[in-house]
Structures are given as structure tokens and as C-alpha cells.
């Protein structure tokens, strides 16, 4: 494998959606809120991906295996530049009808509230989402995406913030993230670790 990082384009939207569903296949929130068998769930994520690629405060970066022809998109990350609370709007009020809308609204609403509470309006880089195709996990793509973002934050002298599953927490701890709070759902079966990384001088 030959892994290379680049910025996403609109031509990547379909591959980004496939990578999301593959990487989050075992995630309970995604399983119930965004079942990949639903057409409107796919439409929802296509719109989200396209919107984020066009958002000037969002950096959608992908890792390709360029040893294949054409290159294979293995993973992506969304790093958001948050300069003030105005850059942290509340989550959507409408979620896909094909999924558990009540769960989606509750989960993402609480994630947003915690984000605002923990970061208190301080400028920071936020890793909104990171997903690696299931068959390529633990092969280095996630490291490349996290390293890219923390280096950007370090250049700005800013903190970083993210939400992590239990399984991914070790990757983020490797780059200096520490748990500062948490959320639990699905009768305690799903644990979301809320993590912050101090700014580097």
C-alpha cells in the first residue's frame, strides 16, 4: 500500500458515503440512526458530504491507496476550524425518516451541547468525523488524518476537540487527546468519549 493524503472534491461524495457506512458498520448510533438500507439515509449523507466539502471552515481530507489504479479511497476525516461559538451552530432539526430520528436528535443535540460547554467559545480545531473502510482499519490511514489536523492546530496555537468511540480512543490518546466528559446511549451499550487536546506553544 502507498497511502497519500489530499483534500476531498465533489467527485468523492459517493466514495465518502460508502466509507462512512463501512467504517461505522458496528457503531450502534449509526446502525439505528443511519441504516444503510434506507435510500433517504444515503441521500442525507450525500447532501452532508457535498455541503461540508464546500464549507470554507471545514477541511474534508481523504487518504488514498495510490498503488491501485485508480487510487482507492480508504479513509476520510472532517476537521472544522472553530474560531468562536458562532461557528458551532446546532445540529439539523430534520433527520432521515429511514432511521431512528428521535435517537439522532437526542444524540447529536447532546453532543453539540457538550461541545459548546467544554470549549466555552475558545478557538480550536474539531475533528467532526473520521471513518476508515472496515477492511483497511488499523493500517495507518487514521494516523495520517489525525496527524494532519493536530499539526494544523499546533501551527495556530489552538486546542483540539473530538468525540470518540471506545475502540478509537487509543488512537487519539496517542496524539495527546484526553477524555474530559462522556455520553452513554442504548442502555449503556454505547459510550461516547469527549476528548480535548491542549494547545501547543
N, C-alpha and C. Protein backbone atom coordinates (compact mmCIF):
# COMPACT_ATOMS: atom_id res chain seq x y z
N UNK A 1 0.83 -1.21 0.00
CA UNK A 1 0.00 0.00 0.00
C UNK A 1 0.87 1.25 0.00
N UNK A 2 0.39 2.28 -0.67
CA UNK A 2 1.07 3.57 -0.72
C UNK A 2 0.02 4.63 -0.38
N UNK A 3 0.04 5.11 0.85
CA UNK A 3 -1.01 6.00 1.34
C UNK A 3 -0.65 7.47 1.13
N UNK A 4 -1.59 8.20 0.53
CA UNK A 4 -1.39 9.63 0.28
C UNK A 4 -2.61 10.41 0.73
N UNK A 5 -2.38 11.57 1.31
CA UNK A 5 -3.46 12.43 1.78
C UNK A 5 -3.71 13.55 0.77
N UNK A 6 -4.98 13.91 0.63
CA UNK A 6 -5.37 15.03 -0.22
C UNK A 6 -6.70 15.59 0.27
N UNK A 7 -7.08 16.75 -0.25
CA UNK A 7 -8.39 17.32 0.05
C UNK A 7 -9.45 16.65 -0.81
N UNK A 8 -10.63 16.46 -0.25
CA UNK A 8 -11.74 15.85 -0.98
C UNK A 8 -12.33 16.82 -1.99
N UNK A 9 -12.93 16.27 -3.04
CA UNK A 9 -13.66 17.05 -4.02
C UNK A 9 -15.08 16.49 -4.14
N UNK A 10 -15.93 17.19 -4.87
CA UNK A 10 -17.30 16.71 -5.04
C UNK A 10 -17.35 15.36 -5.76
N UNK A 11 -16.33 15.04 -6.52
CA UNK A 11 -16.28 13.74 -7.18
C UNK A 11 -16.15 12.59 -6.18
N UNK A 12 -15.79 12.92 -4.94
CA UNK A 12 -15.58 11.88 -3.91
C UNK A 12 -16.84 11.57 -3.10
N UNK A 13 -17.92 12.28 -3.33
CA UNK A 13 -19.08 12.18 -2.45
C UNK A 13 -19.55 10.74 -2.28
N UNK A 14 -19.71 10.01 -3.37
CA UNK A 14 -20.22 8.64 -3.26
C UNK A 14 -19.24 7.75 -2.49
N UNK A 15 -17.96 7.89 -2.77
CA UNK A 15 -16.95 7.09 -2.06
C UNK A 15 -16.89 7.46 -0.58
N UNK A 16 -17.09 8.74 -0.26
CA UNK A 16 -17.11 9.16 1.14
C UNK A 16 -18.28 8.52 1.88
N UNK A 17 -19.44 8.48 1.24
CA UNK A 17 -20.61 7.85 1.87
C UNK A 17 -20.36 6.35 2.10
N UNK A 18 -19.82 5.68 1.11
CA UNK A 18 -19.52 4.25 1.25
C UNK A 18 -18.52 4.01 2.37
N UNK A 19 -17.55 4.90 2.48
CA UNK A 19 -16.54 4.77 3.54
C UNK A 19 -17.16 5.01 4.91
N UNK A 20 -18.08 5.96 4.99
CA UNK A 20 -18.78 6.19 6.26
C UNK A 20 -19.55 4.95 6.69
N UNK A 21 -20.36 4.39 5.80
CA UNK A 21 -21.18 3.23 6.16
C UNK A 21 -20.31 2.01 6.49
N UNK A 22 -19.20 1.85 5.80
CA UNK A 22 -18.31 0.73 6.09
C UNK A 22 -17.63 0.91 7.44
N UNK A 23 -17.09 2.10 7.66
CA UNK A 23 -16.35 2.35 8.90
C UNK A 23 -17.22 2.35 10.14
N UNK A 24 -18.50 2.70 9.99
CA UNK A 24 -19.41 2.78 11.13
C UNK A 24 -20.41 1.62 11.17
N UNK A 25 -20.08 0.54 10.48
CA UNK A 25 -21.00 -0.60 10.41
C UNK A 25 -21.31 -1.19 11.78
N UNK A 26 -20.36 -1.10 12.71
CA UNK A 26 -20.55 -1.68 14.04
C UNK A 26 -20.90 -0.64 15.10
N UNK A 27 -21.10 0.60 14.69
CA UNK A 27 -21.41 1.68 15.61
C UNK A 27 -22.92 1.69 15.87
N UNK A 28 -23.33 1.58 17.12
CA UNK A 28 -24.75 1.45 17.44
C UNK A 28 -25.58 2.67 17.05
N UNK A 29 -25.03 3.87 17.25
CA UNK A 29 -25.77 5.07 16.88
C UNK A 29 -26.00 5.08 15.38
N UNK A 30 -24.96 4.82 14.61
CA UNK A 30 -25.09 4.80 13.16
C UNK A 30 -26.03 3.69 12.71
N UNK A 31 -25.95 2.56 13.36
CA UNK A 31 -26.78 1.41 12.99
C UNK A 31 -28.27 1.75 13.07
N UNK A 32 -28.65 2.45 14.13
CA UNK A 32 -30.06 2.77 14.32
C UNK A 32 -30.49 4.07 13.64
N UNK A 33 -29.64 5.07 13.68
CA UNK A 33 -30.00 6.38 13.12
C UNK A 33 -29.80 6.45 11.61
N UNK A 34 -28.82 5.69 11.10
CA UNK A 34 -28.48 5.77 9.68
C UNK A 34 -28.34 4.38 9.04
N UNK A 35 -29.39 3.59 9.02
CA UNK A 35 -29.28 2.26 8.40
C UNK A 35 -28.98 2.39 6.90
N UNK A 36 -27.94 1.73 6.41
CA UNK A 36 -27.54 1.91 5.00
C UNK A 36 -28.51 1.30 3.99
N UNK A 37 -29.52 0.59 4.47
CA UNK A 37 -30.53 0.04 3.56
C UNK A 37 -31.57 1.06 3.16
N UNK A 38 -31.54 2.25 3.79
CA UNK A 38 -32.54 3.29 3.54
C UNK A 38 -32.04 4.28 2.49
N UNK A 39 -32.84 4.49 1.45
CA UNK A 39 -32.46 5.42 0.38
C UNK A 39 -32.36 6.85 0.89
N UNK A 40 -33.25 7.25 1.81
CA UNK A 40 -33.19 8.63 2.27
C UNK A 40 -32.01 8.87 3.21
N UNK A 41 -31.53 7.80 3.86
CA UNK A 41 -30.30 7.93 4.64
C UNK A 41 -29.11 8.21 3.71
N UNK A 42 -29.05 7.50 2.61
CA UNK A 42 -28.00 7.75 1.63
C UNK A 42 -28.10 9.17 1.09
N UNK A 43 -29.29 9.63 0.76
CA UNK A 43 -29.47 10.99 0.25
C UNK A 43 -29.03 12.02 1.29
N UNK A 44 -29.37 11.76 2.54
CA UNK A 44 -28.97 12.65 3.63
C UNK A 44 -27.45 12.80 3.67
N UNK A 45 -26.74 11.67 3.62
CA UNK A 45 -25.28 11.72 3.72
C UNK A 45 -24.63 12.30 2.48
N UNK A 46 -25.23 12.08 1.32
CA UNK A 46 -24.70 12.72 0.11
C UNK A 46 -24.76 14.25 0.25
N UNK A 47 -25.87 14.74 0.77
CA UNK A 47 -26.03 16.18 0.96
C UNK A 47 -25.04 16.70 2.00
N UNK A 48 -24.87 15.96 3.08
CA UNK A 48 -23.93 16.38 4.13
C UNK A 48 -22.51 16.45 3.58
N UNK A 49 -22.09 15.41 2.87
CA UNK A 49 -20.73 15.38 2.33
C UNK A 49 -20.50 16.54 1.36
N UNK A 50 -21.44 16.76 0.45
CA UNK A 50 -21.29 17.84 -0.53
C UNK A 50 -21.24 19.20 0.16
N UNK A 51 -22.11 19.38 1.15
CA UNK A 51 -22.13 20.66 1.88
C UNK A 51 -20.79 20.89 2.59
N UNK A 52 -20.28 19.87 3.25
CA UNK A 52 -19.05 20.04 4.03
C UNK A 52 -17.84 20.30 3.13
N UNK A 53 -17.81 19.68 1.95
CA UNK A 53 -16.71 19.94 1.02
C UNK A 53 -16.70 21.40 0.60
N UNK A 54 -17.87 22.01 0.50
CA UNK A 54 -17.97 23.41 0.11
C UNK A 54 -17.87 24.41 1.25
N UNK A 55 -17.81 23.93 2.49
CA UNK A 55 -17.76 24.79 3.67
C UNK A 55 -16.33 25.28 3.88
N UNK A 56 -16.13 26.59 3.87
CA UNK A 56 -14.78 27.13 3.97
C UNK A 56 -14.13 26.89 5.34
N UNK A 57 -14.95 26.62 6.36
CA UNK A 57 -14.40 26.32 7.69
C UNK A 57 -14.16 24.83 7.92
N UNK A 58 -14.55 24.01 6.95
CA UNK A 58 -14.41 22.56 7.07
C UNK A 58 -13.35 22.06 6.10
N UNK A 59 -12.47 21.23 6.60
CA UNK A 59 -11.45 20.62 5.76
C UNK A 59 -11.74 19.12 5.69
N UNK A 60 -12.24 18.67 4.53
CA UNK A 60 -12.51 17.24 4.34
C UNK A 60 -11.28 16.66 3.65
N UNK A 61 -10.55 15.84 4.38
CA UNK A 61 -9.31 15.27 3.86
C UNK A 61 -9.48 13.76 3.72
N UNK A 62 -8.89 13.22 2.68
CA UNK A 62 -9.02 11.79 2.43
C UNK A 62 -7.64 11.16 2.31
N UNK A 63 -7.60 9.86 2.56
CA UNK A 63 -6.38 9.07 2.35
C UNK A 63 -6.68 8.04 1.27
N UNK A 64 -5.88 8.08 0.22
CA UNK A 64 -5.99 7.13 -0.88
C UNK A 64 -4.85 6.12 -0.82
N UNK A 65 -5.12 4.93 -1.30
CA UNK A 65 -4.05 3.99 -1.63
C UNK A 65 -3.75 4.21 -3.10
N UNK A 66 -2.63 4.87 -3.38
CA UNK A 66 -2.31 5.23 -4.77
C UNK A 66 -1.56 4.12 -5.50
N UNK A 67 -1.40 2.97 -4.83
CA UNK A 67 -0.78 1.84 -5.51
C UNK A 67 -1.77 1.11 -6.41
N UNK A 68 -3.07 1.46 -6.30
CA UNK A 68 -4.09 0.85 -7.15
C UNK A 68 -4.44 1.80 -8.28
N UNK A 69 -5.02 1.25 -9.34
CA UNK A 69 -5.45 2.06 -10.49
C UNK A 69 -6.93 1.82 -10.75
N UNK A 70 -7.79 2.85 -10.54
CA UNK A 70 -7.46 4.17 -9.99
C UNK A 70 -7.17 4.07 -8.49
N UNK A 71 -6.67 5.13 -7.88
CA UNK A 71 -6.44 5.11 -6.43
C UNK A 71 -7.72 4.75 -5.66
N UNK A 72 -7.54 4.07 -4.54
CA UNK A 72 -8.67 3.64 -3.71
C UNK A 72 -8.80 4.53 -2.48
N UNK A 73 -9.96 5.15 -2.31
CA UNK A 73 -10.20 5.98 -1.13
C UNK A 73 -10.43 5.05 0.07
N UNK A 74 -9.54 5.13 1.05
CA UNK A 74 -9.60 4.24 2.21
C UNK A 74 -10.24 4.88 3.43
N UNK A 75 -10.06 6.20 3.58
CA UNK A 75 -10.49 6.86 4.81
C UNK A 75 -10.65 8.35 4.57
N UNK A 76 -11.41 8.98 5.45
CA UNK A 76 -11.54 10.44 5.39
C UNK A 76 -11.71 10.99 6.80
N UNK A 77 -11.38 12.26 6.92
CA UNK A 77 -11.60 12.97 8.17
C UNK A 77 -12.15 14.34 7.86
N UNK A 78 -12.97 14.86 8.77
CA UNK A 78 -13.51 16.22 8.64
C UNK A 78 -13.00 17.04 9.82
N UNK A 79 -12.12 17.96 9.52
CA UNK A 79 -11.60 18.87 10.54
C UNK A 79 -12.24 20.24 10.35
N UNK A 80 -12.87 20.73 11.40
CA UNK A 80 -13.56 22.03 11.35
C UNK A 80 -12.80 23.08 12.15
N UNK A 81 -12.62 24.23 11.54
CA UNK A 81 -12.00 25.36 12.22
C UNK A 81 -13.09 26.11 12.97
N UNK A 82 -12.97 26.15 14.30
CA UNK A 82 -13.97 26.82 15.14
C UNK A 82 -13.31 28.02 15.81
N UNK A 83 -13.62 29.20 15.30
CA UNK A 83 -12.99 30.40 15.84
C UNK A 83 -13.78 30.99 17.01
N UNK A 84 -15.09 30.75 17.03
CA UNK A 84 -15.95 31.27 18.09
C UNK A 84 -17.23 30.44 18.09
N UNK A 85 -18.09 30.66 19.06
CA UNK A 85 -19.32 29.86 19.17
C UNK A 85 -20.22 30.01 17.96
N UNK A 86 -20.07 31.12 17.23
CA UNK A 86 -20.89 31.30 16.03
C UNK A 86 -20.58 30.22 15.00
N UNK A 87 -19.40 29.62 15.09
CA UNK A 87 -19.01 28.54 14.17
C UNK A 87 -19.49 27.18 14.65
N UNK A 88 -20.29 27.17 15.71
CA UNK A 88 -20.83 25.91 16.24
C UNK A 88 -22.36 25.97 16.23
N UNK A 89 -22.96 26.00 15.05
CA UNK A 89 -24.43 26.03 15.00
C UNK A 89 -25.01 24.71 15.49
N UNK A 90 -26.24 24.73 15.99
CA UNK A 90 -26.86 23.48 16.45
C UNK A 90 -27.03 22.50 15.29
N UNK A 91 -27.17 21.22 15.60
CA UNK A 91 -27.31 20.20 14.55
C UNK A 91 -28.64 20.33 13.82
N UNK A 92 -28.82 19.59 12.72
CA UNK A 92 -30.07 19.66 11.97
C UNK A 92 -31.29 19.34 12.84
N UNK A 93 -32.41 19.87 12.44
CA UNK A 93 -33.66 19.55 13.15
C UNK A 93 -34.41 18.42 12.43
N UNK A 94 -33.99 18.11 11.21
CA UNK A 94 -34.63 17.06 10.44
C UNK A 94 -33.61 15.97 10.14
N UNK A 95 -33.96 14.73 10.51
CA UNK A 95 -33.09 13.58 10.30
C UNK A 95 -33.78 12.59 9.37
N UNK A 96 -33.04 11.68 8.76
CA UNK A 96 -33.65 10.76 7.78
C UNK A 96 -34.79 9.94 8.35
N UNK A 97 -35.88 9.88 7.61
CA UNK A 97 -37.04 9.12 8.07
C UNK A 97 -36.75 7.62 8.12
N UNK A 98 -35.76 7.18 7.35
CA UNK A 98 -35.43 5.76 7.34
C UNK A 98 -34.69 5.28 8.57
N UNK A 99 -34.28 6.22 9.43
CA UNK A 99 -33.58 5.86 10.65
C UNK A 99 -34.34 6.29 11.88
N UNK A 100 -33.75 6.08 13.04
CA UNK A 100 -34.35 6.47 14.32
C UNK A 100 -34.13 7.97 14.52
N UNK A 101 -35.11 8.76 14.13
CA UNK A 101 -34.97 10.22 14.18
C UNK A 101 -34.86 10.73 15.62
N UNK A 102 -35.58 10.11 16.52
CA UNK A 102 -35.53 10.54 17.92
C UNK A 102 -34.14 10.32 18.51
N UNK A 103 -33.54 9.17 18.22
CA UNK A 103 -32.19 8.89 18.71
C UNK A 103 -31.19 9.87 18.11
N UNK A 104 -31.29 10.11 16.80
CA UNK A 104 -30.36 11.04 16.14
C UNK A 104 -30.46 12.43 16.75
N UNK A 105 -31.68 12.91 16.95
CA UNK A 105 -31.87 14.25 17.51
C UNK A 105 -31.31 14.35 18.92
N UNK A 106 -31.55 13.32 19.73
CA UNK A 106 -31.08 13.34 21.12
C UNK A 106 -29.55 13.24 21.17
N UNK A 107 -28.99 12.32 20.41
CA UNK A 107 -27.55 12.10 20.46
C UNK A 107 -26.78 13.32 19.96
N UNK A 108 -27.10 13.77 18.75
CA UNK A 108 -26.34 14.89 18.18
C UNK A 108 -26.64 16.20 18.88
N UNK A 109 -27.84 16.32 19.43
CA UNK A 109 -28.15 17.51 20.22
C UNK A 109 -27.30 17.58 21.48
N UNK A 110 -27.14 16.45 22.16
CA UNK A 110 -26.33 16.42 23.38
C UNK A 110 -24.84 16.54 23.08
N UNK A 111 -24.40 15.95 21.96
CA UNK A 111 -23.00 16.10 21.55
C UNK A 111 -22.69 17.57 21.31
N UNK A 112 -23.61 18.27 20.63
CA UNK A 112 -23.41 19.69 20.37
C UNK A 112 -23.37 20.51 21.67
N UNK A 113 -24.32 20.24 22.58
CA UNK A 113 -24.35 20.97 23.84
C UNK A 113 -23.06 20.78 24.64
N UNK A 114 -22.56 19.55 24.68
CA UNK A 114 -21.32 19.28 25.39
C UNK A 114 -20.13 19.99 24.74
N UNK A 115 -20.12 20.00 23.42
CA UNK A 115 -19.04 20.68 22.69
C UNK A 115 -18.99 22.16 23.06
N UNK A 116 -20.14 22.82 23.02
CA UNK A 116 -20.21 24.24 23.37
C UNK A 116 -19.79 24.46 24.83
N UNK A 117 -20.27 23.58 25.70
CA UNK A 117 -19.96 23.71 27.14
C UNK A 117 -18.47 23.51 27.41
N UNK A 118 -17.87 22.49 26.82
CA UNK A 118 -16.48 22.15 27.12
C UNK A 118 -15.51 23.17 26.54
N UNK A 119 -15.76 23.62 25.31
CA UNK A 119 -14.80 24.50 24.66
C UNK A 119 -15.06 25.98 24.97
N UNK A 120 -16.23 26.31 25.47
CA UNK A 120 -16.51 27.65 26.00
C UNK A 120 -16.13 28.79 25.06
N UNK A 121 -16.35 28.61 23.76
CA UNK A 121 -16.08 29.67 22.82
C UNK A 121 -14.63 29.87 22.45
N UNK A 122 -13.73 29.02 22.97
CA UNK A 122 -12.30 29.16 22.65
C UNK A 122 -12.03 28.64 21.23
N UNK A 123 -11.14 29.30 20.49
CA UNK A 123 -10.82 28.82 19.15
C UNK A 123 -10.16 27.45 19.20
N UNK A 124 -10.54 26.58 18.29
CA UNK A 124 -9.98 25.23 18.27
C UNK A 124 -10.24 24.55 16.94
N UNK A 125 -9.53 23.45 16.71
CA UNK A 125 -9.78 22.58 15.57
C UNK A 125 -10.56 21.38 16.09
N UNK A 126 -11.67 21.08 15.42
CA UNK A 126 -12.53 19.97 15.86
C UNK A 126 -12.54 18.87 14.80
N UNK A 127 -12.24 17.66 15.22
CA UNK A 127 -12.38 16.50 14.33
C UNK A 127 -13.83 16.06 14.41
N UNK A 128 -14.61 16.47 13.42
CA UNK A 128 -16.05 16.22 13.40
C UNK A 128 -16.34 14.75 13.13
N UNK A 129 -15.56 14.14 12.24
CA UNK A 129 -15.83 12.77 11.84
C UNK A 129 -14.58 12.17 11.22
N UNK A 130 -14.30 10.92 11.55
CA UNK A 130 -13.23 10.17 10.91
C UNK A 130 -13.74 8.76 10.67
N UNK A 131 -13.57 8.28 9.45
CA UNK A 131 -14.01 6.92 9.12
C UNK A 131 -13.03 6.27 8.16
N UNK A 132 -12.72 5.02 8.44
CA UNK A 132 -11.88 4.20 7.58
C UNK A 132 -12.66 2.96 7.16
N UNK A 133 -12.61 2.63 5.90
CA UNK A 133 -13.28 1.42 5.44
C UNK A 133 -12.86 0.23 6.29
N UNK A 134 -13.82 -0.59 6.63
CA UNK A 134 -13.61 -1.64 7.63
C UNK A 134 -12.41 -2.53 7.31
N UNK A 135 -12.25 -2.88 6.04
CA UNK A 135 -11.18 -3.80 5.68
C UNK A 135 -9.79 -3.17 5.70
N UNK A 136 -9.74 -1.82 5.86
CA UNK A 136 -8.46 -1.14 5.87
C UNK A 136 -8.16 -0.48 7.22
N UNK A 137 -8.93 -0.80 8.24
CA UNK A 137 -8.69 -0.21 9.55
C UNK A 137 -7.40 -0.76 10.16
N UNK A 138 -6.76 0.10 10.97
CA UNK A 138 -5.50 -0.24 11.66
C UNK A 138 -4.35 -0.48 10.69
N UNK A 139 -4.37 0.26 9.58
CA UNK A 139 -3.29 0.17 8.61
C UNK A 139 -2.60 1.52 8.40
N UNK A 140 -2.93 2.50 9.24
CA UNK A 140 -2.22 3.77 9.21
C UNK A 140 -2.97 4.96 8.66
N UNK A 141 -4.12 4.73 8.01
CA UNK A 141 -4.85 5.86 7.42
C UNK A 141 -5.36 6.82 8.49
N UNK A 142 -5.89 6.28 9.59
CA UNK A 142 -6.39 7.13 10.68
C UNK A 142 -5.30 8.00 11.27
N UNK A 143 -4.11 7.42 11.44
CA UNK A 143 -2.98 8.20 11.96
C UNK A 143 -2.67 9.39 11.06
N UNK A 144 -2.68 9.17 9.77
CA UNK A 144 -2.37 10.26 8.83
C UNK A 144 -3.38 11.39 8.97
N UNK A 145 -4.67 11.05 9.10
CA UNK A 145 -5.72 12.05 9.20
C UNK A 145 -5.67 12.83 10.52
N UNK A 146 -5.39 12.14 11.61
CA UNK A 146 -5.30 12.81 12.91
C UNK A 146 -4.07 13.71 12.95
N UNK A 147 -2.95 13.19 12.48
CA UNK A 147 -1.70 13.96 12.48
C UNK A 147 -1.86 15.24 11.67
N UNK A 148 -2.54 15.17 10.53
CA UNK A 148 -2.74 16.36 9.70
C UNK A 148 -3.45 17.44 10.50
N UNK A 149 -4.52 17.07 11.20
CA UNK A 149 -5.30 18.05 11.94
C UNK A 149 -4.57 18.65 13.13
N UNK A 150 -3.90 17.81 13.91
CA UNK A 150 -3.22 18.35 15.10
C UNK A 150 -2.05 19.24 14.70
N UNK A 151 -1.43 18.95 13.57
CA UNK A 151 -0.36 19.83 13.10
C UNK A 151 -0.91 21.19 12.69
N UNK A 152 -2.09 21.20 12.09
CA UNK A 152 -2.74 22.48 11.76
C UNK A 152 -3.06 23.26 13.03
N UNK A 153 -3.58 22.56 14.03
CA UNK A 153 -3.91 23.22 15.30
C UNK A 153 -2.65 23.75 15.98
N UNK A 154 -1.59 22.96 15.94
CA UNK A 154 -0.34 23.40 16.57
C UNK A 154 0.22 24.65 15.88
N UNK A 155 0.08 24.70 14.55
CA UNK A 155 0.55 25.87 13.82
C UNK A 155 -0.22 27.13 14.23
N UNK A 156 -1.50 26.95 14.57
CA UNK A 156 -2.32 28.07 15.02
C UNK A 156 -2.19 28.34 16.52
N UNK A 157 -1.61 27.38 17.25
CA UNK A 157 -1.54 27.52 18.71
C UNK A 157 -2.88 27.30 19.37
N UNK A 158 -3.72 26.44 18.78
CA UNK A 158 -5.07 26.20 19.26
C UNK A 158 -5.23 24.81 19.86
N UNK A 159 -6.29 24.66 20.66
CA UNK A 159 -6.68 23.36 21.18
C UNK A 159 -7.36 22.53 20.09
N UNK A 160 -7.56 21.24 20.40
CA UNK A 160 -8.35 20.37 19.52
C UNK A 160 -9.44 19.71 20.35
N UNK A 161 -10.48 19.27 19.66
CA UNK A 161 -11.61 18.63 20.32
C UNK A 161 -12.20 17.58 19.40
N UNK A 162 -12.75 16.50 20.02
CA UNK A 162 -13.43 15.46 19.24
C UNK A 162 -14.28 14.59 20.14
N UNK A 163 -15.13 13.79 19.51
CA UNK A 163 -15.88 12.75 20.20
C UNK A 163 -15.43 11.41 19.64
N UNK A 164 -15.22 10.43 20.52
CA UNK A 164 -14.66 9.15 20.09
C UNK A 164 -15.41 7.97 20.66
N UNK A 165 -15.45 6.90 19.87
CA UNK A 165 -15.91 5.62 20.41
C UNK A 165 -14.82 5.04 21.30
N UNK A 166 -15.16 4.04 22.07
CA UNK A 166 -14.17 3.37 22.92
C UNK A 166 -13.06 2.77 22.07
N UNK A 167 -13.45 2.19 20.93
CA UNK A 167 -12.48 1.49 20.09
C UNK A 167 -11.41 2.43 19.51
N UNK A 168 -11.78 3.67 19.23
CA UNK A 168 -10.85 4.60 18.58
C UNK A 168 -10.08 5.46 19.58
N UNK A 169 -10.44 5.39 20.83
CA UNK A 169 -9.87 6.32 21.81
C UNK A 169 -8.34 6.23 21.90
N UNK A 170 -7.80 5.03 21.77
CA UNK A 170 -6.35 4.86 21.86
C UNK A 170 -5.60 5.64 20.79
N UNK A 171 -6.17 5.71 19.59
CA UNK A 171 -5.54 6.48 18.51
C UNK A 171 -5.42 7.94 18.90
N UNK A 172 -6.48 8.49 19.46
CA UNK A 172 -6.47 9.91 19.80
C UNK A 172 -5.58 10.20 21.02
N UNK A 173 -5.55 9.27 21.96
CA UNK A 173 -4.66 9.44 23.11
C UNK A 173 -3.21 9.50 22.68
N UNK A 174 -2.87 8.77 21.63
CA UNK A 174 -1.51 8.77 21.08
C UNK A 174 -1.09 10.17 20.65
N UNK A 175 -2.06 10.99 20.26
CA UNK A 175 -1.76 12.35 19.81
C UNK A 175 -2.05 13.41 20.87
N UNK A 176 -2.23 12.97 22.11
CA UNK A 176 -2.35 13.91 23.21
C UNK A 176 -3.75 14.27 23.63
N UNK A 177 -4.77 13.63 23.07
CA UNK A 177 -6.14 13.90 23.49
C UNK A 177 -6.43 13.21 24.83
N UNK A 178 -7.21 13.87 25.66
CA UNK A 178 -7.60 13.31 26.95
C UNK A 178 -9.12 13.43 27.13
N UNK A 179 -9.71 12.42 27.72
CA UNK A 179 -11.16 12.46 27.95
C UNK A 179 -11.49 13.51 29.00
N UNK A 180 -12.49 14.35 28.69
CA UNK A 180 -12.92 15.38 29.64
C UNK A 180 -14.38 15.20 30.04
N UNK A 181 -15.11 14.38 29.28
CA UNK A 181 -16.51 14.10 29.60
C UNK A 181 -16.95 12.91 28.75
N UNK A 182 -18.19 12.48 28.91
CA UNK A 182 -18.66 11.34 28.13
C UNK A 182 -20.19 11.35 28.05
N UNK A 183 -20.70 10.56 27.12
CA UNK A 183 -22.14 10.36 26.96
C UNK A 183 -22.39 8.87 26.77
N UNK A 184 -23.51 8.38 27.29
CA UNK A 184 -23.86 6.98 27.07
C UNK A 184 -25.28 6.89 26.50
N UNK A 185 -25.47 5.92 25.60
CA UNK A 185 -26.75 5.70 24.95
C UNK A 185 -27.00 4.21 24.79
N UNK A 186 -28.19 3.89 24.28
CA UNK A 186 -28.57 2.50 24.00
C UNK A 186 -28.42 1.64 25.26
N UNK A 187 -29.02 2.12 26.35
CA UNK A 187 -28.99 1.41 27.63
C UNK A 187 -27.57 1.11 28.10
N UNK A 188 -26.69 2.07 27.87
CA UNK A 188 -25.31 1.94 28.32
C UNK A 188 -24.40 1.16 27.40
N UNK A 189 -24.94 0.65 26.28
CA UNK A 189 -24.12 -0.13 25.36
C UNK A 189 -23.21 0.73 24.49
N UNK A 190 -23.59 2.01 24.32
CA UNK A 190 -22.77 2.91 23.51
C UNK A 190 -22.18 3.99 24.40
N UNK A 191 -20.86 4.14 24.32
CA UNK A 191 -20.13 5.12 25.14
C UNK A 191 -19.39 6.08 24.21
N UNK A 192 -19.68 7.36 24.36
CA UNK A 192 -19.01 8.39 23.57
C UNK A 192 -18.06 9.16 24.46
N UNK A 193 -16.78 9.08 24.14
CA UNK A 193 -15.75 9.78 24.89
C UNK A 193 -15.54 11.16 24.28
N UNK A 194 -15.66 12.20 25.07
CA UNK A 194 -15.45 13.57 24.61
C UNK A 194 -14.05 13.99 25.02
N UNK A 195 -13.21 14.31 24.03
CA UNK A 195 -11.79 14.46 24.26
C UNK A 195 -11.27 15.83 23.80
N UNK A 196 -10.32 16.34 24.58
CA UNK A 196 -9.71 17.63 24.27
C UNK A 196 -8.19 17.47 24.25
N UNK A 197 -7.55 18.20 23.39
CA UNK A 197 -6.09 18.23 23.32
C UNK A 197 -5.64 19.66 23.58
N UNK A 198 -4.74 19.85 24.55
CA UNK A 198 -4.28 21.18 24.90
C UNK A 198 -3.50 21.80 23.75
N UNK A 199 -3.53 23.12 23.70
CA UNK A 199 -2.77 23.81 22.67
C UNK A 199 -1.29 23.69 22.95
N UNK A 200 -0.51 23.67 21.89
CA UNK A 200 0.94 23.58 21.99
C UNK A 200 1.53 24.96 21.75
N UNK A 201 2.49 25.32 22.57
CA UNK A 201 3.12 26.64 22.44
C UNK A 201 4.23 26.61 21.38
